[in-house]
């Protein structure tokens, strides 16, 4: 996203990318779709890493809630 932001930035010199009319709009849409596709691919192919982080956060929340209620947590099942 930083690259696309840099390439579309308004500057003092002529920028053919920002003066291309409908092609500029198509470039912006294509850039957004590419970025979102990369993000979705990361989530799809790194499920173990992503889920581990989610479960870690859930386990931390359960543990802190149990400490607040002064309960001893049992065997957590997700």
PDB file of N, CA and C in Angstrom:
ATOM      1  N   UNK A   1       0.821  -1.188   0.000  1.00  0.00           N
ATOM      2  CA  UNK A   1       0.000   0.000   0.000  1.00  0.00           C
ATOM      3  C   UNK A   1       0.863   1.250   0.000  1.00  0.00           C
ATOM      4  N   UNK A   2       2.003   1.195   0.668  1.00  0.00           N
ATOM      5  CA  UNK A   2       2.870   2.367   0.717  1.00  0.00           C
ATOM      6  C   UNK A   2       3.373   2.713  -0.682  1.00  0.00           C
ATOM      7  N   UNK A   3       3.703   1.701  -1.478  1.00  0.00           N
ATOM      8  CA  UNK A   3       4.182   1.957  -2.837  1.00  0.00           C
ATOM      9  C   UNK A   3       3.099   2.641  -3.666  1.00  0.00           C
ATOM     10  N   UNK A   4       1.888   2.140  -3.583  1.00  0.00           N
ATOM     11  CA  UNK A   4       0.801   2.726  -4.358  1.00  0.00           C
ATOM     12  C   UNK A   4       0.507   4.149  -3.896  1.00  0.00           C
ATOM     13  N   UNK A   5       0.576   4.374  -2.604  1.00  0.00           N
ATOM     14  CA  UNK A   5       0.398   5.728  -2.101  1.00  0.00           C
ATOM     15  C   UNK A   5       1.477   6.664  -2.601  1.00  0.00           C
ATOM     16  N   UNK A   6       2.703   6.175  -2.648  1.00  0.00           N
ATOM     17  CA  UNK A   6       3.810   6.981  -3.146  1.00  0.00           C
ATOM     18  C   UNK A   6       3.644   7.278  -4.628  1.00  0.00           C
ATOM     19  N   UNK A   7       3.242   6.272  -5.404  1.00  0.00           N
ATOM     20  CA  UNK A   7       3.126   6.479  -6.844  1.00  0.00           C
ATOM     21  C   UNK A   7       1.963   7.399  -7.211  1.00  0.00           C
ATOM     22  N   UNK A   8       0.962   7.478  -6.356  1.00  0.00           N
ATOM     23  CA  UNK A   8      -0.194   8.343  -6.650  1.00  0.00           C
ATOM     24  C   UNK A   8      -0.120   9.700  -5.964  1.00  0.00           C
ATOM     25  N   UNK A   9       0.941   9.970  -5.237  1.00  0.00           N
ATOM     26  CA  UNK A   9       1.055  11.232  -4.509  1.00  0.00           C
ATOM     27  C   UNK A   9       1.102  12.419  -5.471  1.00  0.00           C
ATOM     28  N   UNK A  10       0.511  13.509  -5.040  1.00  0.00           N
ATOM     29  CA  UNK A  10       0.509  14.732  -5.845  1.00  0.00           C
ATOM     30  C   UNK A  10       1.816  15.466  -5.585  1.00  0.00           C
ATOM     31  N   UNK A  11       2.518  15.778  -6.679  1.00  0.00           N
ATOM     32  CA  UNK A  11       3.805  16.462  -6.585  1.00  0.00           C
ATOM     33  C   UNK A  11       3.816  17.656  -7.531  1.00  0.00           C
ATOM     34  N   UNK A  12       4.894  18.431  -7.458  1.00  0.00           N
ATOM     35  CA  UNK A  12       5.023  19.599  -8.331  1.00  0.00           C
ATOM     36  C   UNK A  12       5.309  19.215  -9.779  1.00  0.00           C
ATOM     37  N   UNK A  13       6.062  18.138  -9.996  1.00  0.00           N
ATOM     38  CA  UNK A  13       6.378  17.736 -11.365  1.00  0.00           C
ATOM     39  C   UNK A  13       5.235  16.906 -11.955  1.00  0.00           C
ATOM     40  N   UNK A  14       5.286  16.707 -13.243  1.00  0.00           N
ATOM     41  CA  UNK A  14       4.240  15.979 -13.964  1.00  0.00           C
ATOM     42  C   UNK A  14       4.261  14.506 -13.579  1.00  0.00           C
ATOM     43  N   UNK A  15       3.105  13.968 -13.251  1.00  0.00           N
ATOM     44  CA  UNK A  15       2.965  12.559 -12.917  1.00  0.00           C
ATOM     45  C   UNK A  15       1.981  11.943 -13.908  1.00  0.00           C
ATOM     46  N   UNK A  16       2.477  11.180 -14.889  1.00  0.00           N
ATOM     47  CA  UNK A  16       1.571  10.633 -15.903  1.00  0.00           C
ATOM     48  C   UNK A  16       0.531   9.688 -15.312  1.00  0.00           C
ATOM     49  N   UNK A  17       0.854   9.062 -14.202  1.00  0.00           N
ATOM     50  CA  UNK A  17      -0.095   8.128 -13.600  1.00  0.00           C
ATOM     51  C   UNK A  17      -1.338   8.843 -13.077  1.00  0.00           C
ATOM     52  N   UNK A  18      -1.150  10.011 -12.486  1.00  0.00           N
ATOM     53  CA  UNK A  18      -2.304  10.723 -11.931  1.00  0.00           C
ATOM     54  C   UNK A  18      -3.034  11.560 -12.978  1.00  0.00           C
ATOM     55  N   UNK A  19      -2.485  11.687 -14.184  1.00  0.00           N
ATOM     56  CA  UNK A  19      -3.127  12.466 -15.242  1.00  0.00           C
ATOM     57  C   UNK A  19      -3.677  11.588 -16.359  1.00  0.00           C
ATOM     58  N   UNK A  20      -3.954  10.343 -16.076  1.00  0.00           N
ATOM     59  CA  UNK A  20      -4.392   9.411 -17.117  1.00  0.00           C
ATOM     60  C   UNK A  20      -5.908   9.218 -17.161  1.00  0.00           C
ATOM     61  N   UNK A  21      -6.652   9.934 -16.366  1.00  0.00           N
ATOM     62  CA  UNK A  21      -8.109   9.857 -16.421  1.00  0.00           C
ATOM     63  C   UNK A  21      -8.642   8.520 -15.938  1.00  0.00           C
ATOM     64  N   UNK A  22      -9.370   7.833 -16.818  1.00  0.00           N
ATOM     65  CA  UNK A  22      -9.985   6.561 -16.442  1.00  0.00           C
ATOM     66  C   UNK A  22      -8.951   5.478 -16.183  1.00  0.00           C
ATOM     67  N   UNK A  23      -7.790   5.589 -16.821  1.00  0.00           N
ATOM     68  CA  UNK A  23      -6.736   4.613 -16.551  1.00  0.00           C
ATOM     69  C   UNK A  23      -6.225   4.747 -15.116  1.00  0.00           C
ATOM     70  N   UNK A  24      -6.223   5.951 -14.579  1.00  0.00           N
ATOM     71  CA  UNK A  24      -5.836   6.153 -13.183  1.00  0.00           C
ATOM     72  C   UNK A  24      -6.816   5.443 -12.256  1.00  0.00           C
ATOM     73  N   UNK A  25      -8.091   5.577 -12.561  1.00  0.00           N
ATOM     74  CA  UNK A  25      -9.102   4.901 -11.751  1.00  0.00           C
ATOM     75  C   UNK A  25      -8.931   3.385 -11.826  1.00  0.00           C
ATOM     76  N   UNK A  26      -8.649   2.869 -13.005  1.00  0.00           N
ATOM     77  CA  UNK A  26      -8.446   1.431 -13.165  1.00  0.00           C
ATOM     78  C   UNK A  26      -7.211   0.973 -12.401  1.00  0.00           C
ATOM     79  N   UNK A  27      -6.153   1.784 -12.426  1.00  0.00           N
ATOM     80  CA  UNK A  27      -4.930   1.468 -11.689  1.00  0.00           C
ATOM     81  C   UNK A  27      -5.202   1.403 -10.190  1.00  0.00           C
ATOM     82  N   UNK A  28      -5.980   2.349  -9.686  1.00  0.00           N
ATOM     83  CA  UNK A  28      -6.299   2.370  -8.260  1.00  0.00           C
ATOM     84  C   UNK A  28      -7.106   1.135  -7.873  1.00  0.00           C
ATOM     85  N   UNK A  29      -8.096   0.781  -8.685  1.00  0.00           N
ATOM     86  CA  UNK A  29      -8.917  -0.402  -8.399  1.00  0.00           C
ATOM     87  C   UNK A  29      -8.066  -1.669  -8.456  1.00  0.00           C
ATOM     88  N   UNK A  30      -7.236  -1.792  -9.495  1.00  0.00           N
ATOM     89  CA  UNK A  30      -6.376  -2.973  -9.617  1.00  0.00           C
ATOM     90  C   UNK A  30      -5.404  -3.082  -8.447  1.00  0.00           C
ATOM     91  N   UNK A  31      -4.860  -1.964  -8.021  1.00  0.00           N
ATOM     92  CA  UNK A  31      -3.929  -1.960  -6.886  1.00  0.00           C
ATOM     93  C   UNK A  31      -4.623  -2.435  -5.614  1.00  0.00           C
ATOM     94  N   UNK A  32      -5.833  -1.958  -5.396  1.00  0.00           N
ATOM     95  CA  UNK A  32      -6.592  -2.354  -4.214  1.00  0.00           C
ATOM     96  C   UNK A  32      -6.904  -3.854  -4.250  1.00  0.00           C
ATOM     97  N   UNK A  33      -7.327  -4.346  -5.416  1.00  0.00           N
ATOM     98  CA  UNK A  33      -7.663  -5.765  -5.548  1.00  0.00           C
ATOM     99  C   UNK A  33      -6.428  -6.628  -5.327  1.00  0.00           C
ATOM    100  N   UNK A  34      -5.275  -6.208  -5.868  1.00  0.00           N
ATOM    101  CA  UNK A  34      -4.032  -6.953  -5.662  1.00  0.00           C
ATOM    102  C   UNK A  34      -3.669  -7.020  -4.185  1.00  0.00           C
ATOM    103  N   UNK A  35      -3.786  -5.900  -3.511  1.00  0.00           N
ATOM    104  CA  UNK A  35      -3.444  -5.846  -2.090  1.00  0.00           C
ATOM    105  C   UNK A  35      -4.363  -6.747  -1.274  1.00  0.00           C
ATOM    106  N   UNK A  36      -5.653  -6.681  -1.527  1.00  0.00           N
ATOM    107  CA  UNK A  36      -6.603  -7.518  -0.792  1.00  0.00           C
ATOM    108  C   UNK A  36      -6.393  -9.000  -1.099  1.00  0.00           C
ATOM    109  N   UNK A  37      -6.061  -9.327  -2.335  1.00  0.00           N
ATOM    110  CA  UNK A  37      -5.799 -10.722  -2.696  1.00  0.00           C
ATOM    111  C   UNK A  37      -4.577 -11.238  -1.945  1.00  0.00           C
ATOM    112  N   UNK A  38      -3.549 -10.406  -1.824  1.00  0.00           N
ATOM    113  CA  UNK A  38      -2.359 -10.814  -1.065  1.00  0.00           C
ATOM    114  C   UNK A  38      -2.693 -11.039   0.402  1.00  0.00           C
ATOM    115  N   UNK A  39      -3.518 -10.187   0.963  1.00  0.00           N
ATOM    116  CA  UNK A  39      -3.907 -10.350   2.368  1.00  0.00           C
ATOM    117  C   UNK A  39      -4.718 -11.630   2.573  1.00  0.00           C
ATOM    118  N   UNK A  40      -5.644 -11.897   1.669  1.00  0.00           N
ATOM    119  CA  UNK A  40      -6.454 -13.108   1.777  1.00  0.00           C
ATOM    120  C   UNK A  40      -5.609 -14.361   1.588  1.00  0.00           C
ATOM    121  N   UNK A  41      -4.645 -14.314   0.668  1.00  0.00           N
ATOM    122  CA  UNK A  41      -3.749 -15.456   0.490  1.00  0.00           C
ATOM    123  C   UNK A  41      -2.934 -15.711   1.745  1.00  0.00           C
ATOM    124  N   UNK A  42      -2.474 -14.655   2.394  1.00  0.00           N
ATOM    125  CA  UNK A  42      -1.726 -14.829   3.636  1.00  0.00           C
ATOM    126  C   UNK A  42      -2.579 -15.529   4.683  1.00  0.00           C
ATOM    127  N   UNK A  43      -3.813 -15.084   4.834  1.00  0.00           N
ATOM    128  CA  UNK A  43      -4.700 -15.698   5.818  1.00  0.00           C
ATOM    129  C   UNK A  43      -4.989 -17.145   5.451  1.00  0.00           C
ATOM    130  N   UNK A  44      -5.193 -17.420   4.177  1.00  0.00           N
ATOM    131  CA  UNK A  44      -5.508 -18.777   3.735  1.00  0.00           C
ATOM    132  C   UNK A  44      -4.348 -19.729   3.973  1.00  0.00           C
ATOM    133  N   UNK A  45      -3.132 -19.317   3.663  1.00  0.00           N
ATOM    134  CA  UNK A  45      -1.999 -20.223   3.726  1.00  0.00           C
ATOM    135  C   UNK A  45      -1.265 -20.208   5.063  1.00  0.00           C
ATOM    136  N   UNK A  46      -1.686 -19.381   5.999  1.00  0.00           N
ATOM    137  CA  UNK A  46      -1.052 -19.316   7.312  1.00  0.00           C
ATOM    138  C   UNK A  46      -2.079 -19.496   8.421  1.00  0.00           C
ATOM    139  N   UNK A  47      -3.008 -20.417   8.219  1.00  0.00           N
ATOM    140  CA  UNK A  47      -4.076 -20.615   9.185  1.00  0.00           C
ATOM    141  C   UNK A  47      -3.561 -21.029  10.560  1.00  0.00           C
ATOM    142  N   UNK A  48      -2.541 -21.859  10.611  1.00  0.00           N
ATOM    143  CA  UNK A  48      -2.037 -22.301  11.914  1.00  0.00           C
ATOM    144  C   UNK A  48      -1.497 -21.126  12.709  1.00  0.00           C
ATOM    145  N   UNK A  49      -0.765 -20.239  12.047  1.00  0.00           N
ATOM    146  CA  UNK A  49      -0.217 -19.069  12.733  1.00  0.00           C
ATOM    147  C   UNK A  49      -1.328 -18.123  13.175  1.00  0.00           C
ATOM    148  N   UNK A  50      -2.290 -17.889  12.284  1.00  0.00           N
ATOM    149  CA  UNK A  50      -3.376 -16.953  12.585  1.00  0.00           C
ATOM    150  C   UNK A  50      -4.239 -17.487  13.718  1.00  0.00           C
ATOM    151  N   UNK A  51      -4.601 -18.742  13.654  1.00  0.00           N
ATOM    152  CA  UNK A  51      -5.457 -19.328  14.690  1.00  0.00           C
ATOM    153  C   UNK A  51      -4.747 -19.401  16.023  1.00  0.00           C
ATOM    154  N   UNK A  52      -3.458 -19.675  16.002  1.00  0.00           N
ATOM    155  CA  UNK A  52      -2.697 -19.721  17.255  1.00  0.00           C
ATOM    156  C   UNK A  52      -2.763 -18.381  17.956  1.00  0.00           C
ATOM    157  N   UNK A  53      -2.620 -17.311  17.204  1.00  0.00           N
ATOM    158  CA  UNK A  53      -2.677 -15.974  17.803  1.00  0.00           C
ATOM    159  C   UNK A  53      -4.072 -15.691  18.359  1.00  0.00           C
ATOM    160  N   UNK A  54      -5.117 -16.107  17.619  1.00  0.00           N
ATOM    161  CA  UNK A  54      -6.478 -15.877  18.095  1.00  0.00           C
ATOM    162  C   UNK A  54      -6.742 -16.651  19.377  1.00  0.00           C
ATOM    163  N   UNK A  55      -6.319 -17.916  19.432  1.00  0.00           N
ATOM    164  CA  UNK A  55      -6.554 -18.729  20.619  1.00  0.00           C
ATOM    165  C   UNK A  55      -5.731 -18.219  21.791  1.00  0.00           C
ATOM    166  N   UNK A  56      -4.548 -17.699  21.527  1.00  0.00           N
ATOM    167  CA  UNK A  56      -3.717 -17.145  22.599  1.00  0.00           C
ATOM    168  C   UNK A  56      -4.438 -15.972  23.252  1.00  0.00           C
ATOM    169  N   UNK A  57      -5.019 -15.101  22.430  1.00  0.00           N
ATOM    170  CA  UNK A  57      -5.768 -13.972  22.964  1.00  0.00           C
ATOM    171  C   UNK A  57      -6.977 -14.419  23.760  1.00  0.00           C
ATOM    172  N   UNK A  58      -7.663 -15.436  23.273  1.00  0.00           N
ATOM    173  CA  UNK A  58      -8.822 -15.976  23.981  1.00  0.00           C
ATOM    174  C   UNK A  58      -8.406 -16.590  25.305  1.00  0.00           C
ATOM    175  N   UNK A  59      -7.305 -17.347  25.306  1.00  0.00           N
ATOM    176  CA  UNK A  59      -6.822 -17.962  26.540  1.00  0.00           C
ATOM    177  C   UNK A  59      -6.411 -16.902  27.557  1.00  0.00           C
ATOM    178  N   UNK A  60      -5.768 -15.835  27.090  1.00  0.00           N
ATOM    179  CA  UNK A  60      -5.394 -14.745  27.994  1.00  0.00           C
ATOM    180  C   UNK A  60      -6.627 -14.087  28.603  1.00  0.00           C
ATOM    181  N   UNK A  61      -7.657 -13.905  27.800  1.00  0.00           N
ATOM    182  CA  UNK A  61      -8.884 -13.293  28.292  1.00  0.00           C
ATOM    183  C   UNK A  61      -9.558 -14.184  29.334  1.00  0.00           C
ATOM    184  N   UNK A  62      -9.636 -15.475  29.059  1.00  0.00           N
ATOM    185  CA  UNK A  62     -10.263 -16.403  30.006  1.00  0.00           C
ATOM    186  C   UNK A  62      -9.487 -16.419  31.319  1.00  0.00           C
ATOM    187  N   UNK A  63      -8.175 -16.435  31.222  1.00  0.00           N
ATOM    188  CA  UNK A  63      -7.350 -16.462  32.433  1.00  0.00           C
ATOM    189  C   UNK A  63      -7.515 -15.184  33.244  1.00  0.00           C
ATOM    190  N   UNK A  64      -7.524 -14.025  32.580  1.00  0.00           N
ATOM    191  CA  UNK A  64      -7.686 -12.767  33.322  1.00  0.00           C
ATOM    192  C   UNK A  64      -9.081 -12.669  33.932  1.00  0.00           C
ATOM    193  N   UNK A  65     -10.086 -13.147  33.219  1.00  0.00           N
ATOM    194  CA  UNK A  65     -11.458 -13.128  33.747  1.00  0.00           C
ATOM    195  C   UNK A  65     -11.582 -14.053  34.958  1.00  0.00           C
ATOM    196  N   UNK A  66     -10.922 -15.207  34.897  1.00  0.00           N
ATOM    197  CA  UNK A  66     -10.956 -16.136  36.022  1.00  0.00           C
ATOM    198  C   UNK A  66     -10.260 -15.528  37.231  1.00  0.00           C
ATOM    199  N   UNK A  67      -9.184 -14.794  37.012  1.00  0.00           N
ATOM    200  CA  UNK A  67      -8.491 -14.146  38.127  1.00  0.00           C
ATOM    201  C   UNK A  67      -9.350 -13.056  38.737  1.00  0.00           C
ATOM    202  N   UNK A  68     -10.107 -12.354  37.909  1.00  0.00           N
ATOM    203  CA  UNK A  68     -11.006 -11.314  38.419  1.00  0.00           C
ATOM    204  C   UNK A  68     -12.091 -11.928  39.294  1.00  0.00           C
ATOM    205  N   UNK A  69     -12.590 -13.081  38.895  1.00  0.00           N
ATOM    206  CA  UNK A  69     -13.658 -13.741  39.648  1.00  0.00           C
ATOM    207  C   UNK A  69     -13.123 -14.668  40.728  1.00  0.00           C
ATOM    208  N   UNK A  70     -11.797 -14.779  40.799  1.00  0.00           N
ATOM    209  CA  UNK A  70     -11.113 -15.634  41.762  1.00  0.00           C
ATOM    210  C   UNK A  70     -11.550 -17.099  41.615  1.00  0.00           C
ATOM    211  N   UNK A  71     -11.645 -17.513  40.362  1.00  0.00           N
ATOM    212  CA  UNK A  71     -11.982 -18.897  40.060  1.00  0.00           C
ATOM    213  C   UNK A  71     -10.753 -19.573  39.481  1.00  0.00           C
ATOM    214  N   UNK A  72     -10.660 -20.836  39.685  1.00  0.00           N
ATOM    215  CA  UNK A  72      -9.590 -21.605  39.065  1.00  0.00           C
ATOM    216  C   UNK A  72     -10.120 -22.155  37.740  1.00  0.00           C
ATOM    217  N   UNK A  73      -9.504 -21.791  36.635  1.00  0.00           N
ATOM    218  CA  UNK A  73     -10.023 -22.280  35.350  1.00  0.00           C
ATOM    219  C   UNK A  73      -9.769 -23.772  35.215  1.00  0.00           C
ATOM    220  N   UNK A  74     -10.710 -24.441  34.594  1.00  0.00           N
ATOM    221  CA  UNK A  74     -10.573 -25.873  34.340  1.00  0.00           C
ATOM    222  C   UNK A  74      -9.863 -26.096  33.035  1.00  0.00           C
ATOM    223  N   UNK A  75     -10.204 -27.159  32.383  1.00  0.00           N
ATOM    224  CA  UNK A  75      -9.591 -27.474  31.106  1.00  0.00           C
ATOM    225  C   UNK A  75     -10.295 -26.661  30.014  1.00  0.00           C
ATOM    226  N   UNK A  76      -9.589 -25.752  29.369  1.00  0.00           N
ATOM    227  CA  UNK A  76     -10.254 -24.917  28.343  1.00  0.00           C
ATOM    228  C   UNK A  76     -10.521 -25.708  27.079  1.00  0.00           C
ATOM    229  N   UNK A  77     -11.716 -25.552  26.541  1.00  0.00           N
ATOM    230  CA  UNK A  77     -12.112 -26.192  25.309  1.00  0.00           C
ATOM    231  C   UNK A  77     -12.592 -25.097  24.360  1.00  0.00           C
ATOM    232  N   UNK A  78     -11.962 -25.050  23.181  1.00  0.00           N
ATOM    233  CA  UNK A  78     -12.335 -24.020  22.195  1.00  0.00           C
ATOM    234  C   UNK A  78     -13.001 -24.703  21.026  1.00  0.00           C
TER     235      UNK A  78
END
